[in-house]
Structures are given as structure tokens and as C-alpha cells.
Protein backbone atom coordinates (compact mmCIF):
# COMPACT_ATOMS: atom_id res chain seq x y z
CA MET A 1 97.27 -10.27 49.36
CA THR A 2 95.61 -8.16 52.06
CA MET A 3 92.95 -5.79 50.83
CA ASP A 4 94.25 -2.58 52.40
CA ASN A 5 92.97 -0.10 49.87
CA LYS A 6 91.38 3.10 51.09
CA ARG A 7 89.42 3.35 47.85
CA VAL A 8 87.16 0.59 49.18
CA PHE A 9 85.70 3.25 51.52
CA ASP A 10 83.94 6.54 50.90
CA THR A 11 86.08 8.57 53.30
CA LYS A 12 89.49 8.60 54.96
CA VAL A 13 87.72 8.58 58.34
CA GLN A 14 86.16 5.22 57.47
CA TYR A 15 89.56 3.98 56.35
CA LEU A 16 91.16 4.99 59.65
CA LYS A 17 88.37 3.30 61.60
CA TYR A 18 88.85 0.17 59.50
CA LYS A 19 92.59 0.08 60.22
CA VAL A 20 91.96 0.19 63.96
CA LEU A 21 89.40 -2.62 63.70
CA ARG A 22 91.74 -4.67 61.53
CA GLU A 23 94.67 -4.35 63.96
CA VAL A 24 92.50 -5.11 67.00
CA ALA A 25 91.16 -8.19 65.22
CA ARG A 26 94.63 -9.29 64.11
CA SER A 27 95.94 -9.13 67.66
CA ALA A 28 92.88 -10.99 68.93
CA TRP A 29 93.46 -13.83 66.45
CA ASN A 30 97.08 -14.00 67.57
CA GLY A 31 96.11 -14.05 71.25
CA THR A 32 98.23 -10.96 71.92
CA LEU A 33 95.60 -8.24 72.23
CA LEU A 34 96.39 -7.15 75.79
CA GLU A 35 100.11 -7.05 75.06
CA ASP A 36 99.53 -5.09 71.85
CA LEU A 37 97.25 -2.36 73.26
CA LEU A 38 99.99 0.26 73.35
CA ASP A 39 101.52 -0.94 70.10
CA ILE A 40 98.39 -0.76 67.90
CA PRO A 41 98.38 3.08 67.61
CA MET A 42 102.07 2.91 66.64
CA ARG A 43 101.27 0.42 63.89
CA ILE A 44 98.67 2.74 62.42
CA VAL A 45 100.66 5.99 62.78
CA PRO A 46 104.32 4.92 62.72
CA GLY A 47 107.28 7.23 63.38
CA LYS A 48 106.70 10.91 62.64
CA THR A 49 104.02 10.28 60.02
CA PRO A 50 102.06 13.52 59.43
CA THR A 51 98.47 13.33 60.64
CA MET A 52 95.33 15.45 60.53
CA ARG A 53 96.02 16.51 64.13
CA CYS A 54 98.43 19.02 65.59
CA CYS A 55 100.99 16.31 66.30
CA VAL A 56 101.53 12.56 66.07
CA TYR A 57 101.23 12.21 69.84
CA LYS A 58 97.70 13.55 69.96
CA GLU A 59 96.77 11.32 67.03
CA ARG A 60 98.04 8.29 68.92
CA ALA A 61 96.15 9.32 72.05
CA ILE A 62 92.97 9.48 69.97
CA LEU A 63 93.81 6.14 68.39
CA ALA A 64 94.08 4.62 71.85
CA GLU A 65 90.48 5.71 72.47
CA ARG A 66 89.46 4.26 69.10
CA VAL A 67 91.04 0.96 70.13
CA LYS A 68 88.93 0.89 73.31
CA ILE A 69 85.72 1.40 71.30
CA ALA A 70 86.83 -1.24 68.78
CA MET A 71 87.10 -3.60 71.75
CA GLY A 72 83.51 -2.90 72.77
CA GLY A 73 83.79 0.42 74.59
CA SER A 74 82.18 0.96 77.96
CA ARG A 75 80.09 -2.04 78.96
CA ASP A 76 78.35 0.15 81.55
CA SER A 77 76.43 1.94 78.80
CA GLN A 78 74.20 0.19 76.28
CA ASN A 79 74.36 3.18 73.96
CA VAL A 80 76.12 2.05 70.80
CA ILE A 81 77.14 5.53 69.61
CA GLU A 82 79.98 7.18 71.55
CA VAL A 83 81.86 10.48 71.38
CA ILE A 84 85.66 10.54 71.60
CA ASP A 85 85.96 13.85 73.47
CA ILE A 86 89.66 14.33 72.76
CA ALA A 87 88.97 14.07 69.01
CA CYS A 88 86.04 16.51 69.08
CA ASP A 89 87.82 19.85 69.23
CA GLU A 90 88.28 21.06 65.67
CA CYS A 91 84.78 22.24 64.76
CA PRO A 92 84.07 25.97 65.09
CA ALA A 93 81.51 27.09 67.63
CA ALA A 94 77.99 26.52 66.42
CA GLY A 95 75.18 29.05 66.32
CA TYR A 96 74.19 32.24 64.53
CA GLU A 97 77.03 34.47 63.32
CA VAL A 98 77.35 37.76 61.46
CA THR A 99 79.38 37.33 58.28
CA ASP A 100 81.39 39.82 56.22
CA SER A 101 78.27 40.40 54.14
CA CYS A 102 76.91 42.76 56.82
CA ARG A 103 76.73 46.21 55.19
CA GLY A 104 76.13 48.22 58.35
CA CYS A 105 72.71 49.30 57.10
CA LEU A 106 70.59 51.90 58.88
CA ALA A 107 67.47 49.77 59.15
CA HIS A 108 68.86 47.48 61.88
CA ARG A 109 66.02 45.01 61.38
CA CYS A 110 68.10 42.32 63.10
CA GLU A 111 68.29 44.43 66.27
CA ASP A 112 64.59 45.26 66.23
CA VAL A 113 63.48 41.63 65.90
CA CYS A 114 65.83 40.12 68.52
CA PRO A 115 63.77 39.19 71.61
CA ARG A 116 66.78 39.18 73.97
CA GLY A 117 68.71 42.28 72.93
CA ALA A 118 71.63 40.13 71.82
CA ILE A 119 72.59 42.30 68.83
CA SER A 120 74.75 45.39 69.04
CA PHE A 121 76.75 47.47 66.54
CA ASP A 122 80.32 48.70 66.41
CA HIS A 123 81.50 52.11 65.16
CA ASP A 124 81.22 50.88 61.54
CA HIS A 125 77.58 49.89 62.18
CA THR A 126 78.50 46.23 61.75
CA ALA A 127 76.27 43.90 63.77
CA HIS A 128 77.61 41.60 66.51
CA ILE A 129 75.79 38.83 68.40
CA ASP A 130 76.25 38.38 72.15
CA LYS A 131 76.33 34.60 72.52
CA SER A 132 75.50 34.81 76.22
CA LYS A 133 72.14 36.37 75.33
CA CYS A 134 71.35 34.66 72.01
CA VAL A 135 68.70 31.92 72.20
CA GLU A 136 69.24 30.72 68.60
CA CYS A 137 65.72 31.70 67.50
CA GLY A 138 66.97 32.71 64.04
CA ARG A 139 64.74 35.77 63.68
CA CYS A 140 67.69 38.03 62.87
CA SER A 141 68.78 35.76 60.05
CA LYS A 142 65.31 35.77 58.51
CA VAL A 143 64.97 39.55 58.36
CA CYS A 144 68.50 40.47 57.23
CA PRO A 145 68.18 41.89 53.67
CA TYR A 146 71.74 40.78 52.83
CA SER A 147 71.52 37.26 54.30
CA ALA A 148 74.51 38.32 56.35
CA ILE A 149 73.57 36.31 59.44
CA THR A 150 74.04 32.57 59.06
CA ASN A 151 73.50 29.61 61.30
CA ARG A 152 76.67 27.61 61.64
CA VAL A 153 75.67 24.06 62.49
CA ARG A 154 78.20 21.36 63.27
CA PRO A 155 78.15 18.39 60.87
CA CYS A 156 77.05 15.98 63.61
CA GLN A 157 74.17 18.21 64.65
CA ASN A 158 73.15 18.70 61.04
CA ALA A 159 73.25 14.94 60.48
CA CYS A 160 71.17 14.18 63.56
CA LYS A 161 67.63 14.99 62.45
CA ILE A 162 66.12 14.02 65.81
CA LYS A 163 68.23 16.63 67.68
CA ALA A 164 69.90 14.14 70.00
CA ILE A 165 73.24 15.97 69.80
CA SER A 166 74.18 19.10 71.72
CA ILE A 167 77.46 20.81 72.52
CA ASN A 168 78.71 20.56 76.10
CA GLU A 169 80.65 23.14 78.13
CA GLU A 170 83.97 21.83 76.82
CA GLY A 171 82.84 22.39 73.24
CA ALA A 172 82.51 18.67 72.45
CA ALA A 173 79.46 16.88 71.10
CA ALA A 174 77.18 15.27 73.67
CA ILE A 175 74.58 12.62 72.85
CA ASP A 176 71.22 12.49 74.58
CA LYS A 177 70.91 8.74 75.14
CA ASP A 178 67.17 8.99 75.66
CA LYS A 179 66.72 10.51 72.18
CA CYS A 180 69.45 8.67 70.25
CA ILE A 181 68.12 5.94 67.96
CA SER A 182 71.60 4.58 67.05
CA CYS A 183 71.11 5.26 63.34
CA GLY A 184 74.75 6.30 62.99
CA ALA A 185 74.12 9.33 60.76
CA CYS A 186 76.45 11.39 62.96
CA VAL A 187 79.10 8.66 62.77
CA TYR A 188 79.23 8.81 58.99
CA GLN A 189 79.10 12.62 58.78
CA CYS A 190 81.66 13.58 61.46
CA PRO A 191 84.70 14.83 59.48
CA PHE A 192 87.12 13.90 62.28
CA GLY A 193 85.68 10.56 63.27
CA ALA A 194 85.05 11.90 66.76
CA ILE A 195 81.72 10.08 66.92
CA THR A 196 81.80 6.35 66.34
CA ASP A 197 79.94 3.14 67.01
CA LYS A 198 81.06 0.47 69.45
CA SER A 199 82.30 -2.69 67.85
CA TYR A 200 81.60 -6.24 68.99
CA ILE A 201 84.14 -7.71 66.60
CA LEU A 202 85.90 -9.45 69.50
CA ASP A 203 82.68 -11.27 70.38
CA VAL A 204 82.47 -12.56 66.81
CA ILE A 205 86.10 -13.67 66.81
CA ASP A 206 85.40 -15.52 70.05
CA LEU A 207 82.40 -17.26 68.47
CA ILE A 208 84.49 -18.29 65.45
CA ARG A 209 87.37 -19.59 67.55
CA LYS A 210 85.11 -21.62 69.81
CA SER A 211 83.20 -23.10 66.88
CA ARG A 212 86.50 -24.16 65.33
CA SER A 213 87.82 -25.63 68.58
CA GLY A 214 85.09 -28.23 68.77
CA LYS A 215 82.30 -26.44 70.60
CA ASP A 216 79.02 -28.14 69.91
CA TYR A 217 77.41 -25.51 67.68
CA LYS A 218 77.31 -24.39 64.08
CA LEU A 219 78.01 -20.73 63.39
CA TYR A 220 75.69 -19.01 60.91
CA ALA A 221 76.22 -15.69 59.15
CA ALA A 222 72.95 -13.95 58.27
CA VAL A 223 73.85 -11.32 55.68
CA ALA A 224 71.67 -8.32 54.86
CA PRO A 225 70.54 -7.96 51.22
CA SER A 226 72.38 -4.64 50.97
CA ILE A 227 75.59 -6.71 50.83
CA SER A 228 74.93 -6.86 47.09
CA SER A 229 75.96 -3.20 46.80
CA GLN A 230 79.13 -3.59 48.89
CA PHE A 231 82.52 -5.30 48.36
CA THR A 232 82.34 -4.23 44.74
CA TYR A 233 85.97 -5.23 44.11
CA ALA A 234 84.90 -8.91 44.41
CA GLY A 235 81.92 -11.03 43.45
CA LEU A 236 79.16 -11.73 45.93
CA GLY A 237 79.90 -15.46 45.66
CA GLN A 238 83.50 -14.72 46.67
CA VAL A 239 82.29 -12.80 49.73
CA VAL A 240 80.16 -15.80 50.72
CA LYS A 241 83.19 -18.07 50.31
CA GLY A 242 85.27 -15.63 52.35
CA LEU A 243 82.81 -15.89 55.24
CA LYS A 244 83.21 -19.66 55.23
CA VAL A 245 86.99 -19.32 55.11
CA LEU A 246 86.70 -17.06 58.16
CA GLY A 247 84.98 -19.88 60.00
CA PHE A 248 81.24 -19.58 59.44
CA HIS A 249 79.58 -22.92 58.84
CA THR A 250 76.69 -21.57 56.77
CA VAL A 251 75.77 -18.24 55.16
CA VAL A 252 72.07 -17.39 54.83
CA GLU A 253 70.20 -14.38 53.53
CA ALA A 254 68.48 -12.13 56.03
CA ALA A 255 66.25 -11.44 53.02
CA LEU A 256 64.68 -14.82 53.70
CA GLY A 257 63.61 -13.39 57.05
CA ALA A 258 62.18 -10.49 55.04
CA ASP A 259 60.05 -12.96 53.08
CA LEU A 260 58.73 -14.35 56.36
CA VAL A 261 58.04 -10.84 57.67
CA ALA A 262 56.23 -9.82 54.48
CA CYS A 263 53.79 -12.72 54.95
CA THR A 264 53.02 -12.09 58.61
CA GLU A 265 53.11 -8.30 58.45
CA SER A 266 50.61 -8.23 55.58
CA ARG A 267 48.18 -10.35 57.60
CA GLU A 268 48.67 -8.17 60.68
CA LEU A 269 47.98 -5.08 58.58
CA VAL A 270 44.68 -6.53 57.36
CA GLU A 271 43.70 -7.45 60.91
CA LYS A 272 44.51 -4.04 62.42
CA GLY A 273 43.78 -1.73 59.50
CA PHE A 274 46.82 0.46 60.13
CA LEU A 275 50.44 -0.44 60.83
CA THR A 276 53.95 0.98 61.07
CA SER A 277 56.79 -1.31 60.06
CA SER A 278 59.13 -3.00 62.53
CA CYS A 279 62.05 -3.83 60.23
CA CYS A 280 64.21 -0.77 60.97
CA PRO A 281 65.23 -0.68 64.67
CA ALA A 282 66.09 3.01 64.49
CA PHE A 283 62.60 3.84 63.18
CA VAL A 284 61.00 1.74 65.92
CA ALA A 285 63.14 3.46 68.56
CA TYR A 286 62.13 6.85 67.13
CA ILE A 287 58.43 6.08 67.45
CA LYS A 288 58.88 4.95 71.04
CA SER A 289 60.85 8.04 72.05
CA ALA A 290 59.20 10.81 70.00
CA PHE A 291 55.69 9.45 69.28
CA PRO A 292 54.87 7.12 72.20
CA GLU A 293 51.14 7.53 71.52
CA LEU A 294 51.68 5.67 68.21
CA GLU A 295 53.62 2.77 69.72
CA GLU A 296 50.52 0.56 69.68
CA HIS A 297 50.59 0.67 65.87
CA ILE A 298 54.12 -0.78 65.54
CA SER A 299 54.02 -4.21 63.92
CA HIS A 300 54.50 -7.04 66.39
CA ASP A 301 56.69 -8.85 63.87
CA LEU A 302 60.36 -9.41 64.50
CA SER A 303 62.72 -7.73 62.06
CA PRO A 304 64.01 -9.85 59.14
CA MET A 305 67.31 -10.29 61.00
CA ALA A 306 65.59 -11.67 64.08
CA ALA A 307 63.02 -13.66 62.08
CA ILE A 308 65.61 -15.69 60.17
CA ALA A 309 67.75 -16.10 63.29
CA LYS A 310 64.72 -17.41 65.20
CA TYR A 311 63.99 -19.88 62.41
CA ILE A 312 67.60 -21.12 62.50
CA LYS A 313 67.58 -21.59 66.27
CA ASP A 314 64.14 -23.18 66.28
CA SER A 315 65.49 -25.68 63.75
CA GLU A 316 68.88 -26.07 65.38
CA PRO A 317 68.85 -24.96 69.06
CA ASN A 318 72.65 -25.12 69.46
CA ALA A 319 73.30 -22.78 66.54
CA LYS A 320 74.92 -19.36 66.91
CA VAL A 321 73.94 -16.52 64.58
CA VAL A 322 75.90 -13.40 63.62
CA PHE A 323 74.09 -10.72 61.61
CA ILE A 324 76.18 -8.80 59.07
CA GLY A 325 74.78 -5.65 57.53
CA PRO A 326 74.98 -1.87 57.08
CA CYS A 327 73.25 -0.89 60.32
CA THR A 328 74.66 0.44 63.60
CA ALA A 329 71.17 0.30 65.16
CA LYS A 330 71.18 -3.49 64.75
CA LYS A 331 73.81 -3.59 67.50
CA THR A 332 71.25 -2.03 69.82
CA GLU A 333 68.48 -4.31 68.56
CA VAL A 334 70.55 -7.38 69.44
CA MET A 335 70.45 -6.27 73.10
CA LYS A 336 66.64 -6.22 73.20
CA LYS A 337 65.14 -9.01 75.30
CA GLU A 338 62.89 -10.14 72.46
CA VAL A 339 65.86 -10.47 70.06
CA ARG A 340 68.73 -11.49 72.36
CA PRO A 341 67.81 -15.22 72.34
CA TYR A 342 68.13 -15.40 68.55
CA VAL A 343 71.03 -13.15 67.44
CA ASP A 344 74.38 -13.56 69.16
CA ALA A 345 76.19 -10.56 67.62
CA ALA A 346 75.90 -7.94 64.88
CA LEU A 347 78.65 -6.71 62.57
CA THR A 348 78.71 -3.93 60.00
CA PHE A 349 80.20 -4.27 56.54
CA GLU A 350 83.08 -2.05 57.70
CA GLU A 351 83.85 -4.56 60.44
CA LEU A 352 83.56 -7.52 58.07
CA GLN A 353 86.15 -5.94 55.78
CA ALA A 354 88.44 -5.58 58.79
CA LEU A 355 87.86 -9.23 59.72
CA PHE A 356 88.74 -10.43 56.22
CA ASP A 357 91.95 -8.44 56.18
CA SER A 358 92.93 -9.38 59.72
CA ARG A 359 93.16 -12.97 58.39
CA ASP A 360 94.77 -11.90 55.08
CA ILE A 361 91.83 -13.27 53.11
CA ASP A 362 91.95 -12.04 49.52
CA LEU A 363 88.38 -12.28 48.28
CA THR A 364 89.40 -11.77 44.67
CA GLY A 365 91.36 -15.03 44.73
CA LEU A 366 88.51 -17.17 46.05
CA GLU A 367 86.11 -19.33 44.07
CA ASP A 368 82.45 -18.41 44.01
CA ASP A 369 80.05 -19.87 46.55
CA VAL A 370 76.26 -19.71 46.41
CA LEU A 371 73.83 -17.46 48.25
CA ASP A 372 70.32 -18.12 46.99
CA ASN A 373 67.60 -18.48 49.60
CA ALA A 374 65.28 -15.49 49.26
CA SER A 375 62.83 -14.05 46.75
CA TYR A 376 63.12 -10.87 44.75
CA PHE A 377 60.80 -9.17 47.23
CA GLY A 378 62.82 -10.23 50.26
CA ARG A 379 65.99 -8.87 48.72
CA ILE A 380 64.60 -5.44 47.85
CA PHE A 381 63.87 -4.77 51.54
CA ALA A 382 67.34 -3.20 51.41
CA ARG A 383 66.08 -0.06 49.71
CA SER A 384 63.29 2.36 50.47
CA GLY A 385 59.96 1.19 49.11
CA GLY A 386 61.01 -2.47 49.01
CA LEU A 387 59.08 -3.44 52.13
CA SER A 388 55.90 -1.83 50.80
CA ASP A 389 56.30 -3.69 47.50
CA ALA A 390 56.80 -6.95 49.41
CA VAL A 391 53.71 -6.44 51.58
CA SER A 392 51.66 -5.71 48.46
CA GLU A 393 52.97 -8.89 46.85
CA ALA A 394 52.31 -10.94 50.01
CA LEU A 395 48.69 -9.76 50.08
CA LYS A 396 48.27 -10.83 46.46
CA GLU A 397 49.99 -14.21 46.91
CA GLN A 398 47.88 -15.02 49.96
CA GLY A 399 44.68 -14.24 48.08
CA ILE A 400 43.78 -11.25 50.24
CA ASP A 401 42.06 -9.13 47.63
CA ASP A 402 39.48 -7.39 49.81
CA PHE A 403 42.10 -5.11 51.42
CA GLU A 404 43.70 -2.23 49.57
CA LEU A 405 47.23 -1.36 50.64
CA SER A 406 48.01 2.35 50.73
CA ALA A 407 51.67 2.64 51.69
CA CYS A 408 53.73 5.62 52.76
CA ALA A 409 57.37 4.70 52.13
CA CYS A 410 59.63 7.00 54.14
CA SER A 411 63.26 7.41 53.11
CA GLY A 412 65.16 8.96 56.01
CA ILE A 413 64.06 10.01 59.47
CA GLU A 414 62.73 13.40 58.33
CA GLU A 415 60.19 11.74 56.04
CA CYS A 416 59.37 9.35 58.89
CA ARG A 417 58.70 12.31 61.18
CA THR A 418 56.38 13.92 58.63
CA ALA A 419 54.33 10.74 58.22
CA LEU A 420 54.13 10.10 61.96
CA MET A 421 53.11 13.68 62.62
CA LYS A 422 50.31 13.37 60.06
CA LYS A 423 49.13 10.17 61.71
CA LYS A 424 49.24 11.81 65.14
CA ARG A 425 47.08 14.66 63.84
CA GLY A 426 44.68 12.31 62.06
CA VAL A 427 45.45 13.55 58.55
CA LEU A 428 47.47 10.64 57.13
CA SER A 429 45.58 9.01 54.28
CA GLU A 430 47.79 5.90 54.01
CA ASN A 431 47.24 2.77 56.10
CA PHE A 432 50.86 1.57 56.24
CA ILE A 433 54.03 3.49 57.12
CA GLU A 434 57.26 1.92 55.93
CA GLY A 435 59.90 3.68 58.01
CA MET A 436 63.59 3.67 57.10
CA ALA A 437 65.79 5.89 59.28
CA CYS A 438 68.59 6.04 56.71
CA THR A 439 68.09 7.93 53.46
CA GLY A 440 67.53 5.43 50.69
CA GLY A 441 66.91 2.64 53.18
CA CYS A 442 69.45 0.12 54.44
CA ILE A 443 71.71 0.89 51.45
CA GLY A 444 72.39 4.24 53.18
CA GLY A 445 73.36 2.70 56.52
CA ALA A 446 76.29 4.13 58.46
CA GLY A 447 78.11 0.77 58.40
CA CYS A 448 78.25 0.58 54.60
CA LEU A 449 81.59 0.69 52.82
CA THR A 450 80.07 2.91 50.15
CA HIS A 451 76.96 5.06 49.93
CA GLY A 452 75.12 6.43 46.93
CA GLU A 453 72.38 6.10 44.35
CA LYS A 454 74.19 3.31 42.52
CA ASN A 455 73.55 1.03 45.50
CA LYS A 456 69.79 0.99 44.77
CA ALA A 457 70.34 -0.25 41.23
CA GLN A 458 72.67 -2.97 42.48
CA VAL A 459 70.13 -4.17 45.06
CA ASP A 460 67.37 -4.28 42.43
CA ALA A 461 69.65 -6.24 40.10
CA TYR A 462 70.46 -8.64 42.94
CA GLY A 463 66.75 -9.08 43.56
CA ARG A 464 66.11 -10.00 39.93
CA GLN A 465 68.70 -12.79 40.22
CA ALA A 466 66.65 -14.57 42.91
CA LEU A 467 65.96 -18.19 42.10
CA GLU A 468 62.76 -18.17 44.16
CA LYS A 469 60.62 -15.71 42.24
CA THR A 470 57.77 -15.35 44.72
CA ILE A 471 57.59 -14.90 48.46
CA SER A 472 55.56 -18.10 48.75
CA ASP A 473 58.25 -20.03 46.89
CA ALA A 474 60.97 -18.78 49.24
CA VAL A 475 58.98 -19.53 52.39
CA SER A 476 57.94 -23.00 51.16
CA VAL A 477 61.56 -23.89 50.36
CA LEU A 478 62.56 -22.66 53.82
CA LYS A 479 60.09 -25.05 55.42
CA LEU A 480 61.74 -27.92 53.58
CA LEU A 481 65.27 -27.10 54.76
């Protein structure tokens, strides 16, 4: 039985994206991808099936663009997040607008406060805004006694808290690649799926096929601890077994890399006195682009993903490692020169679901396998505050009792900005900033199948199931492997 149930996903947009990935992967397995390029949109929207677009032909044209991105998109650009221009045409124009609540009052405070003379009145005294003059300062909205002037913000712009998205002359979203941190917030929030992340699912299929055909390497899957809150229709042990059925030789926890990072990052913090975390690639990218003067404080540690991959390749140089998690920014991190030698590809949970179904793997029918490498503290890295708890524990386990940790755990990029701004101004009292670009931490990543508060409880429960109860236990066992 193929798991083709849209209820696995939060939104119909995710489901549509999944279907494209699944069909691209299916054709790749069959060796017919190039022949099937024109056929894949027809498979997804057959006949005269009604769509969310004006007609089935436009939907198929958009699907053709989705297929290109599912195949890796433009290799000329390293930016992981892309806009499908043809799909980005349904949102109303953004900016300040006068609503029907305007009472045509005599005060005209909105007119008086406008610095550009952009507000005029018709014969009914109703206000109108001249968009060619408006500079979006918002003063008119603030002084209107009826709250009749509102700021209409597109979902993608509202989702992007670092203001990397603007609207171009054609009315489509445009991404500032110098500002974008690849967090994927816009991807998840776009109601039409017009913004999406490139997929490297074909690279993973190629790695699997070569490993199966006798290439001299073992293929490892390093799974993020947030996997415990995903694939809820099956057991985690069945997901692990499914990965091996797909063709992975071994499945390891990226949380074990988190245990390693907790040890080294705690020592680095003591040495330097102040530190910002390096686990979230989107947070690191944000510091480098928006707060370059604080870059020196970024931990020199690799992320848990890269740390466990490095350990694997140090132990077995011919190994190949694929990271599987909730994060679109990990796809960018894999391209970094300091990470590229260790991680060969990164997949999201959305893409893993598509891979399972492209091979007709029914997880619910599989026996349980085991995934038990990391400690409780390594596993809770998946949610906001988990890294800070792990660093505190690592300090205690290493007998460092003359240093007091004062952590600022930031859930979402807005909280990160506040903490970094305080540090820039010299008013931050804490000595450690744990930065997570996604609200809630990794459990809120754009590549998750599901999002929500319940994910935190599931990650904590998964942590409590850890066989290795301390960070030291997990790291010592690792050294014996």
C-alpha cells in the first residue's frame, strides 16, 4: 500500500509538493525521468480535473516549474529558496489601503500626517491613497480614529521576519539572496506554493543506486531528533526500517552529534565567556548578514549534523552521509566548504515521505528497527531551549562548576534579533545565545510534515526514552563503536 494520504501533511500545498517529488522520484527509480518530464504534470492533474487555478493548463504549466525545482532547480544559483513567478499572481497588492470603515470625518488627521501628500478625498470625504506617492510609513494608519487604514501584507512578506522578500514590477515576490537565510518560513506560509525549496532528492537516489550496485561505500542516514514528532501514522522503529529498505546501510541519530557539540560548545563558552550557538544554519547566516560585528562570537563548533557526519567519515572514509530533517537551511549548509566534505546531501521529512512512496514502501507493515545512540540531552536539541539545557548538563558532567551559564533561548528569528540587538548595544545580561530561526526550534522547520505544539511534547518523550541517560554516556559509547 502506498501512503498517499493528504492528512499526513498540514496543508494541501504541502501535499501537492509531495506529489511532484514522489512522481519525480518514481521516474528516477525507473530510469525514465527525461522521457516522463512532460507526463508528470498530467499524472498529478489528469484530464479536466478542477484546480485552484483559472484552468487546468495553467496548473500544468506551474507543475512543470515545480518539477524543475524538484530536480534541483537552477544549478547556477546556490540559493535554496526559489519563486515560481507564474504561480505568484493571486495575492492582492500589498501596502496601506483605506477600508470601508472610513467615515469621511472632518478631522482628516490622515491627510495632515502624511509626509508625501499621498492622501486625497472624494466627494463623500472618503480617503484615498495615491500608491505612486505613498512610502508605506504607516503614519496615517496610526492616527485614524476608526482604524480604517490597514496595512495589507502578503503572507510571504509577513512570514519573512528579516525582510528579504519584496514585490517586483510584475507583482511577484522577489527574494534578496544577500538577506535570505533559507529558513523556509515563506515556503510554508505561501498559500499558493509559489515559493518553494530546491530538492536534491535525485542526488540521494543516485547515492542509493550506486551503493546498491556495488560501489565501495556504505550509505548512512543521519536523522534529526525532530523525526520523533513526524510520521505519526507509523512507529519510529518502522521509519528506521523503512530507511534501510530504501537502501541505507545504517541509520544514526544526528542527536549523537548534538551530544558531541554540547561537550565542545560548553568548553568553548567557558574559554570565551560569551557565545552564540552554531547549530542552526539559518541563525548563523542571519548573524553574518545582519550583525556582522557579532560574527566573532559564533561558536566554532560544527552543527550536530556535520559533527556526526565528520565522526562517521573519520571512522570510515569511504562512507556517504545523507542528513534527513525538518530544515531547508541545511541544504545551504551542506554547500559550505567546512561542511561539504562530511555531508553528501540533505533531505527534508517531506522529501523522505515522497521517497518512501515512490518505492511503494508501507511503513505500517514493517517490523520495528532500533534507533538508540544519543542521550536525552542530545535529542531535545530539536526544540527551543534544548541546546541550553544540554550545555548546562555538559558543564556539570565535565566538572566545570566555576562557570555559571546564563542562557538566552530564542524561539524564532524575531527573538533572535532582539537578543542580538541587545548584545550589540551592550545590554544583554546573558552569556549564551541559543538561536533557533524557526519558532519552537527544529520542530517548526519548513520541511516538517506537521507543525504545532504537540511536536514539543513528542520530542521530550522521545528524549526520555534514550538508553544513554547522560551526554558522557552517549559520547563514550560512540568512541567504542
